Amino acid sequence: MRLLGSRQDISVEILSMNGQSVFNKALPGVQSGKLSVDVRDYASGTYFVKVNTAEGSKIEKVTI
């Protein structure tokens, strides 16, 4: 999923392994860039990062 070019509204969600949402943020008018999330207070383990745009969704597995 590319976020380069025209501005688009996106949302970013972090889900625990049991599907519980632990972070959710809407970001209107994103053209490109990076989002940093402070995960120091999250329990160690595996999470899923879900990015939604008008073009679709992408989910990546991450380990903290």
PDB file of N, CA and C in Angstrom:
ATOM      1  N   MET A   1       0.854  -1.163   0.000  1.00  0.00           N
ATOM      2  CA  MET A   1       0.000   0.000   0.000  1.00  0.00           C
ATOM      3  C   MET A   1       0.901   1.227   0.000  1.00  0.00           C
ATOM      4  N   ARG A   2       0.719   2.072  -0.974  1.00  0.00           N
ATOM      5  CA  ARG A   2       1.548   3.272  -1.073  1.00  0.00           C
ATOM      6  C   ARG A   2       0.765   4.469  -0.587  1.00  0.00           C
ATOM      7  N   LEU A   3       1.424   5.320   0.177  1.00  0.00           N
ATOM      8  CA  LEU A   3       0.802   6.541   0.670  1.00  0.00           C
ATOM      9  C   LEU A   3       1.450   7.770   0.047  1.00  0.00           C
ATOM     10  N   LEU A   4       2.077   7.588  -1.071  1.00  0.00           N
ATOM     11  CA  LEU A   4       2.714   8.699  -1.764  1.00  0.00           C
ATOM     12  C   LEU A   4       1.751   9.270  -2.782  1.00  0.00           C
ATOM     13  N   GLY A   5       1.865  10.553  -3.034  1.00  0.00           N
ATOM     14  CA  GLY A   5       1.017  11.169  -4.050  1.00  0.00           C
ATOM     15  C   GLY A   5      -0.110  11.972  -3.424  1.00  0.00           C
ATOM     16  N   SER A   6      -1.331  11.694  -3.854  1.00  0.00           N
ATOM     17  CA  SER A   6      -2.472  12.490  -3.401  1.00  0.00           C
ATOM     18  C   SER A   6      -2.757  12.268  -1.918  1.00  0.00           C
ATOM     19  N   ARG A   7      -3.339  13.256  -1.295  1.00  0.00           N
ATOM     20  CA  ARG A   7      -3.695  13.170   0.125  1.00  0.00           C
ATOM     21  C   ARG A   7      -4.842  12.196   0.321  1.00  0.00           C
ATOM     22  N   GLN A   8      -4.761  11.418   1.392  1.00  0.00           N
ATOM     23  CA  GLN A   8      -5.824  10.494   1.708  1.00  0.00           C
ATOM     24  C   GLN A   8      -6.009  10.386   3.218  1.00  0.00           C
ATOM     25  N   ASP A   9      -7.226  10.046   3.615  1.00  0.00           N
ATOM     26  CA  ASP A   9      -7.520   9.818   5.018  1.00  0.00           C
ATOM     27  C   ASP A   9      -7.160   8.373   5.335  1.00  0.00           C
ATOM     28  N   ILE A  10      -6.429   8.175   6.432  1.00  0.00           N
ATOM     29  CA  ILE A  10      -6.077   6.823   6.848  1.00  0.00           C
ATOM     30  C   ILE A  10      -6.420   6.648   8.315  1.00  0.00           C
ATOM     31  N   SER A  11      -6.507   5.405   8.725  1.00  0.00           N
ATOM     32  CA  SER A  11      -6.605   5.090  10.145  1.00  0.00           C
ATOM     33  C   SER A  11      -5.606   3.983  10.438  1.00  0.00           C
ATOM     34  N   VAL A  12      -5.032   4.043  11.632  1.00  0.00           N
ATOM     35  CA  VAL A  12      -4.044   3.067  12.063  1.00  0.00           C
ATOM     36  C   VAL A  12      -4.560   2.440  13.352  1.00  0.00           C
ATOM     37  N   GLU A  13      -4.540   1.118  13.405  1.00  0.00           N
ATOM     38  CA  GLU A  13      -5.003   0.412  14.589  1.00  0.00           C
ATOM     39  C   GLU A  13      -3.995  -0.670  14.944  1.00  0.00           C
ATOM     40  N   ILE A  14      -3.721  -0.817  16.249  1.00  0.00           N
ATOM     41  CA  ILE A  14      -2.871  -1.892  16.734  1.00  0.00           C
ATOM     42  C   ILE A  14      -3.762  -2.837  17.526  1.00  0.00           C
ATOM     43  N   LEU A  15      -3.680  -4.117  17.170  1.00  0.00           N
ATOM     44  CA  LEU A  15      -4.511  -5.145  17.794  1.00  0.00           C
ATOM     45  C   LEU A  15      -3.627  -6.164  18.499  1.00  0.00           C
ATOM     46  N   SER A  16      -4.064  -6.598  19.679  1.00  0.00           N
ATOM     47  CA  SER A  16      -3.368  -7.675  20.372  1.00  0.00           C
ATOM     48  C   SER A  16      -3.683  -8.997  19.676  1.00  0.00           C
ATOM     49  N   MET A  17      -3.019 -10.054  20.086  1.00  0.00           N
ATOM     50  CA  MET A  17      -3.245 -11.372  19.480  1.00  0.00           C
ATOM     51  C   MET A  17      -4.687 -11.852  19.655  1.00  0.00           C
ATOM     52  N   ASN A  18      -5.382 -11.401  20.716  1.00  0.00           N
ATOM     53  CA  ASN A  18      -6.764 -11.824  20.913  1.00  0.00           C
ATOM     54  C   ASN A  18      -7.766 -10.885  20.250  1.00  0.00           C
ATOM     55  N   GLY A  19      -7.268  -9.945  19.428  1.00  0.00           N
ATOM     56  CA  GLY A  19      -8.142  -9.063  18.663  1.00  0.00           C
ATOM     57  C   GLY A  19      -8.552  -7.786  19.359  1.00  0.00           C
ATOM     58  N   GLN A  20      -8.047  -7.552  20.570  1.00  0.00           N
ATOM     59  CA  GLN A  20      -8.380  -6.335  21.305  1.00  0.00           C
ATOM     60  C   GLN A  20      -7.612  -5.149  20.733  1.00  0.00           C
ATOM     61  N   SER A  21      -8.334  -4.065  20.460  1.00  0.00           N
ATOM     62  CA  SER A  21      -7.699  -2.851  19.950  1.00  0.00           C
ATOM     63  C   SER A  21      -6.984  -2.147  21.101  1.00  0.00           C
ATOM     64  N   VAL A  22      -5.660  -1.933  20.946  1.00  0.00           N
ATOM     65  CA  VAL A  22      -4.884  -1.258  21.987  1.00  0.00           C
ATOM     66  C   VAL A  22      -4.445   0.139  21.548  1.00  0.00           C
ATOM     67  N   PHE A  23      -4.646   0.459  20.269  1.00  0.00           N
ATOM     68  CA  PHE A  23      -4.324   1.787  19.727  1.00  0.00           C
ATOM     69  C   PHE A  23      -5.173   1.989  18.491  1.00  0.00           C
ATOM     70  N   ASN A  24      -5.723   3.185  18.345  1.00  0.00           N
ATOM     71  CA  ASN A  24      -6.518   3.495  17.164  1.00  0.00           C
ATOM     72  C   ASN A  24      -6.431   4.995  16.927  1.00  0.00           C
ATOM     73  N   LYS A  25      -6.033   5.387  15.733  1.00  0.00           N
ATOM     74  CA  LYS A  25      -5.894   6.810  15.427  1.00  0.00           C
ATOM     75  C   LYS A  25      -6.283   7.070  13.976  1.00  0.00           C
ATOM     76  N   ALA A  26      -7.154   8.058  13.786  1.00  0.00           N
ATOM     77  CA  ALA A  26      -7.524   8.511  12.446  1.00  0.00           C
ATOM     78  C   ALA A  26      -6.594   9.649  12.054  1.00  0.00           C
ATOM     79  N   LEU A  27      -6.119   9.617  10.833  1.00  0.00           N
ATOM     80  CA  LEU A  27      -5.196  10.633  10.330  1.00  0.00           C
ATOM     81  C   LEU A  27      -5.731  11.180   9.017  1.00  0.00           C
ATOM     82  N   PRO A  28      -6.405  12.320   9.056  1.00  0.00           N
ATOM     83  CA  PRO A  28      -6.967  12.888   7.829  1.00  0.00           C
ATOM     84  C   PRO A  28      -5.897  13.569   6.972  1.00  0.00           C
ATOM     85  N   GLY A  29      -6.049  13.457   5.679  1.00  0.00           N
ATOM     86  CA  GLY A  29      -5.214  14.195   4.729  1.00  0.00           C
ATOM     87  C   GLY A  29      -3.748  13.838   4.727  1.00  0.00           C
ATOM     88  N   VAL A  30      -3.409  12.575   4.891  1.00  0.00           N
ATOM     89  CA  VAL A  30      -2.011  12.143   4.888  1.00  0.00           C
ATOM     90  C   VAL A  30      -1.532  12.023   3.443  1.00  0.00           C
ATOM     91  N   GLN A  31      -0.350  12.584   3.164  1.00  0.00           N
ATOM     92  CA  GLN A  31       0.226  12.460   1.835  1.00  0.00           C
ATOM     93  C   GLN A  31       1.315  11.394   1.843  1.00  0.00           C
ATOM     94  N   SER A  32       2.186  11.449   2.788  1.00  0.00           N
ATOM     95  CA  SER A  32       3.225  10.449   2.965  1.00  0.00           C
ATOM     96  C   SER A  32       3.851  10.685   4.326  1.00  0.00           C
ATOM     97  N   GLY A  33       4.680   9.773   4.749  1.00  0.00           N
ATOM     98  CA  GLY A  33       5.365   9.970   6.008  1.00  0.00           C
ATOM     99  C   GLY A  33       5.340   8.754   6.896  1.00  0.00           C
ATOM    100  N   LYS A  34       5.775   8.966   8.143  1.00  0.00           N
ATOM    101  CA  LYS A  34       5.869   7.886   9.106  1.00  0.00           C
ATOM    102  C   LYS A  34       5.060   8.253  10.348  1.00  0.00           C
ATOM    103  N   LEU A  35       4.576   7.237  11.015  1.00  0.00           N
ATOM    104  CA  LEU A  35       3.871   7.406  12.272  1.00  0.00           C
ATOM    105  C   LEU A  35       4.623   6.609  13.322  1.00  0.00           C
ATOM    106  N   SER A  36       4.971   7.258  14.422  1.00  0.00           N
ATOM    107  CA  SER A  36       5.615   6.568  15.525  1.00  0.00           C
ATOM    108  C   SER A  36       4.610   6.389  16.645  1.00  0.00           C
ATOM    109  N   VAL A  37       4.590   5.216  17.229  1.00  0.00           N
ATOM    110  CA  VAL A  37       3.707   4.913  18.345  1.00  0.00           C
ATOM    111  C   VAL A  37       4.577   4.444  19.505  1.00  0.00           C
ATOM    112  N   ASP A  38       4.415   5.082  20.670  1.00  0.00           N
ATOM    113  CA  ASP A  38       5.160   4.695  21.858  1.00  0.00           C
ATOM    114  C   ASP A  38       4.553   3.410  22.420  1.00  0.00           C
ATOM    115  N   VAL A  39       5.295   2.324  22.347  1.00  0.00           N
ATOM    116  CA  VAL A  39       4.795   1.029  22.800  1.00  0.00           C
ATOM    117  C   VAL A  39       5.501   0.555  24.074  1.00  0.00           C
ATOM    118  N   ARG A  40       6.190   1.458  24.757  1.00  0.00           N
ATOM    119  CA  ARG A  40       6.927   1.071  25.970  1.00  0.00           C
ATOM    120  C   ARG A  40       6.021   0.478  27.038  1.00  0.00           C
ATOM    121  N   ASP A  41       4.772   0.916  27.105  1.00  0.00           N
ATOM    122  CA  ASP A  41       3.856   0.423  28.133  1.00  0.00           C
ATOM    123  C   ASP A  41       3.070  -0.809  27.690  1.00  0.00           C
ATOM    124  N   TYR A  42       3.289  -1.288  26.471  1.00  0.00           N
ATOM    125  CA  TYR A  42       2.600  -2.484  25.983  1.00  0.00           C
ATOM    126  C   TYR A  42       3.325  -3.728  26.493  1.00  0.00           C
ATOM    127  N   ALA A  43       2.571  -4.768  26.755  1.00  0.00           N
ATOM    128  CA  ALA A  43       3.176  -6.039  27.153  1.00  0.00           C
ATOM    129  C   ALA A  43       3.977  -6.610  25.979  1.00  0.00           C
ATOM    130  N   SER A  44       5.056  -7.286  26.280  1.00  0.00           N
ATOM    131  CA  SER A  44       5.833  -7.947  25.227  1.00  0.00           C
ATOM    132  C   SER A  44       4.956  -8.984  24.550  1.00  0.00           C
ATOM    133  N   GLY A  45       5.137  -9.129  23.259  1.00  0.00           N
ATOM    134  CA  GLY A  45       4.366 -10.118  22.527  1.00  0.00           C
ATOM    135  C   GLY A  45       4.156  -9.722  21.091  1.00  0.00           C
ATOM    136  N   THR A  46       3.220 -10.387  20.442  1.00  0.00           N
ATOM    137  CA  THR A  46       2.920 -10.168  19.042  1.00  0.00           C
ATOM    138  C   THR A  46       1.651  -9.343  18.900  1.00  0.00           C
ATOM    139  N   TYR A  47       1.692  -8.381  18.004  1.00  0.00           N
ATOM    140  CA  TYR A  47       0.561  -7.497  17.728  1.00  0.00           C
ATOM    141  C   TYR A  47       0.379  -7.412  16.219  1.00  0.00           C
ATOM    142  N   PHE A  48      -0.768  -6.902  15.810  1.00  0.00           N
ATOM    143  CA  PHE A  48      -1.041  -6.653  14.403  1.00  0.00           C
ATOM    144  C   PHE A  48      -1.280  -5.164  14.210  1.00  0.00           C
ATOM    145  N   VAL A  49      -0.635  -4.575  13.209  1.00  0.00           N
ATOM    146  CA  VAL A  49      -0.841  -3.171  12.861  1.00  0.00           C
ATOM    147  C   VAL A  49      -1.680  -3.151  11.599  1.00  0.00           C
ATOM    148  N   LYS A  50      -2.828  -2.489  11.675  1.00  0.00           N
ATOM    149  CA  LYS A  50      -3.758  -2.428  10.547  1.00  0.00           C
ATOM    150  C   LYS A  50      -3.854  -0.988  10.066  1.00  0.00           C
ATOM    151  N   VAL A  51      -3.605  -0.783   8.782  1.00  0.00           N
ATOM    152  CA  VAL A  51      -3.711   0.539   8.166  1.00  0.00           C
ATOM    153  C   VAL A  51      -4.856   0.488   7.159  1.00  0.00           C
ATOM    154  N   ASN A  52      -5.814   1.388   7.314  1.00  0.00           N
ATOM    155  CA  ASN A  52      -6.967   1.462   6.414  1.00  0.00           C
ATOM    156  C   ASN A  52      -6.909   2.745   5.599  1.00  0.00           C
ATOM    157  N   THR A  53      -7.143   2.627   4.294  1.00  0.00           N
ATOM    158  CA  THR A  53      -7.276   3.783   3.407  1.00  0.00           C
ATOM    159  C   THR A  53      -8.506   3.550   2.543  1.00  0.00           C
ATOM    160  N   ALA A  54      -8.836   4.524   1.733  1.00  0.00           N
ATOM    161  CA  ALA A  54      -9.953   4.365   0.802  1.00  0.00           C
ATOM    162  C   ALA A  54      -9.650   3.267  -0.225  1.00  0.00           C
ATOM    163  N   GLU A  55      -8.376   2.991  -0.442  1.00  0.00           N
ATOM    164  CA  GLU A  55      -7.960   1.976  -1.411  1.00  0.00           C
ATOM    165  C   GLU A  55      -7.968   0.568  -0.846  1.00  0.00           C
ATOM    166  N   GLY A  56      -8.032   0.432   0.480  1.00  0.00           N
ATOM    167  CA  GLY A  56      -8.032  -0.898   1.088  1.00  0.00           C
ATOM    168  C   GLY A  56      -7.346  -0.902   2.434  1.00  0.00           C
ATOM    169  N   SER A  57      -7.066  -2.095   2.916  1.00  0.00           N
ATOM    170  CA  SER A  57      -6.436  -2.284   4.220  1.00  0.00           C
ATOM    171  C   SER A  57      -5.185  -3.134   4.072  1.00  0.00           C
ATOM    172  N   LYS A  58      -4.270  -2.939   5.019  1.00  0.00           N
ATOM    173  CA  LYS A  58      -3.076  -3.769   5.077  1.00  0.00           C
ATOM    174  C   LYS A  58      -2.810  -4.074   6.540  1.00  0.00           C
ATOM    175  N   ILE A  59      -2.484  -5.328   6.832  1.00  0.00           N
ATOM    176  CA  ILE A  59      -2.188  -5.748   8.197  1.00  0.00           C
ATOM    177  C   ILE A  59      -0.782  -6.329   8.215  1.00  0.00           C
ATOM    178  N   GLU A  60       0.009  -5.879   9.182  1.00  0.00           N
ATOM    179  CA  GLU A  60       1.367  -6.391   9.375  1.00  0.00           C
ATOM    180  C   GLU A  60       1.496  -6.913  10.801  1.00  0.00           C
ATOM    181  N   LYS A  61       2.179  -8.017  10.960  1.00  0.00           N
ATOM    182  CA  LYS A  61       2.436  -8.593  12.273  1.00  0.00           C
ATOM    183  C   LYS A  61       3.743  -8.016  12.804  1.00  0.00           C
ATOM    184  N   VAL A  62       3.738  -7.569  14.068  1.00  0.00           N
ATOM    185  CA  VAL A  62       4.942  -7.016  14.696  1.00  0.00           C
ATOM    186  C   VAL A  62       5.129  -7.657  16.068  1.00  0.00           C
ATOM    187  N   THR A  63       6.357  -7.733  16.495  1.00  0.00           N
ATOM    188  CA  THR A  63       6.685  -8.262  17.815  1.00  0.00           C
ATOM    189  C   THR A  63       7.334  -7.165  18.639  1.00  0.00           C
ATOM    190  N   ILE A  64       6.844  -7.028  19.860  1.00  0.00           N
ATOM    191  CA  ILE A  64       7.357  -5.994  20.769  1.00  0.00           C
ATOM    192  C   ILE A  64       8.137  -6.690  21.861  1.00  0.00           C
TER     193      ILE A  64
END
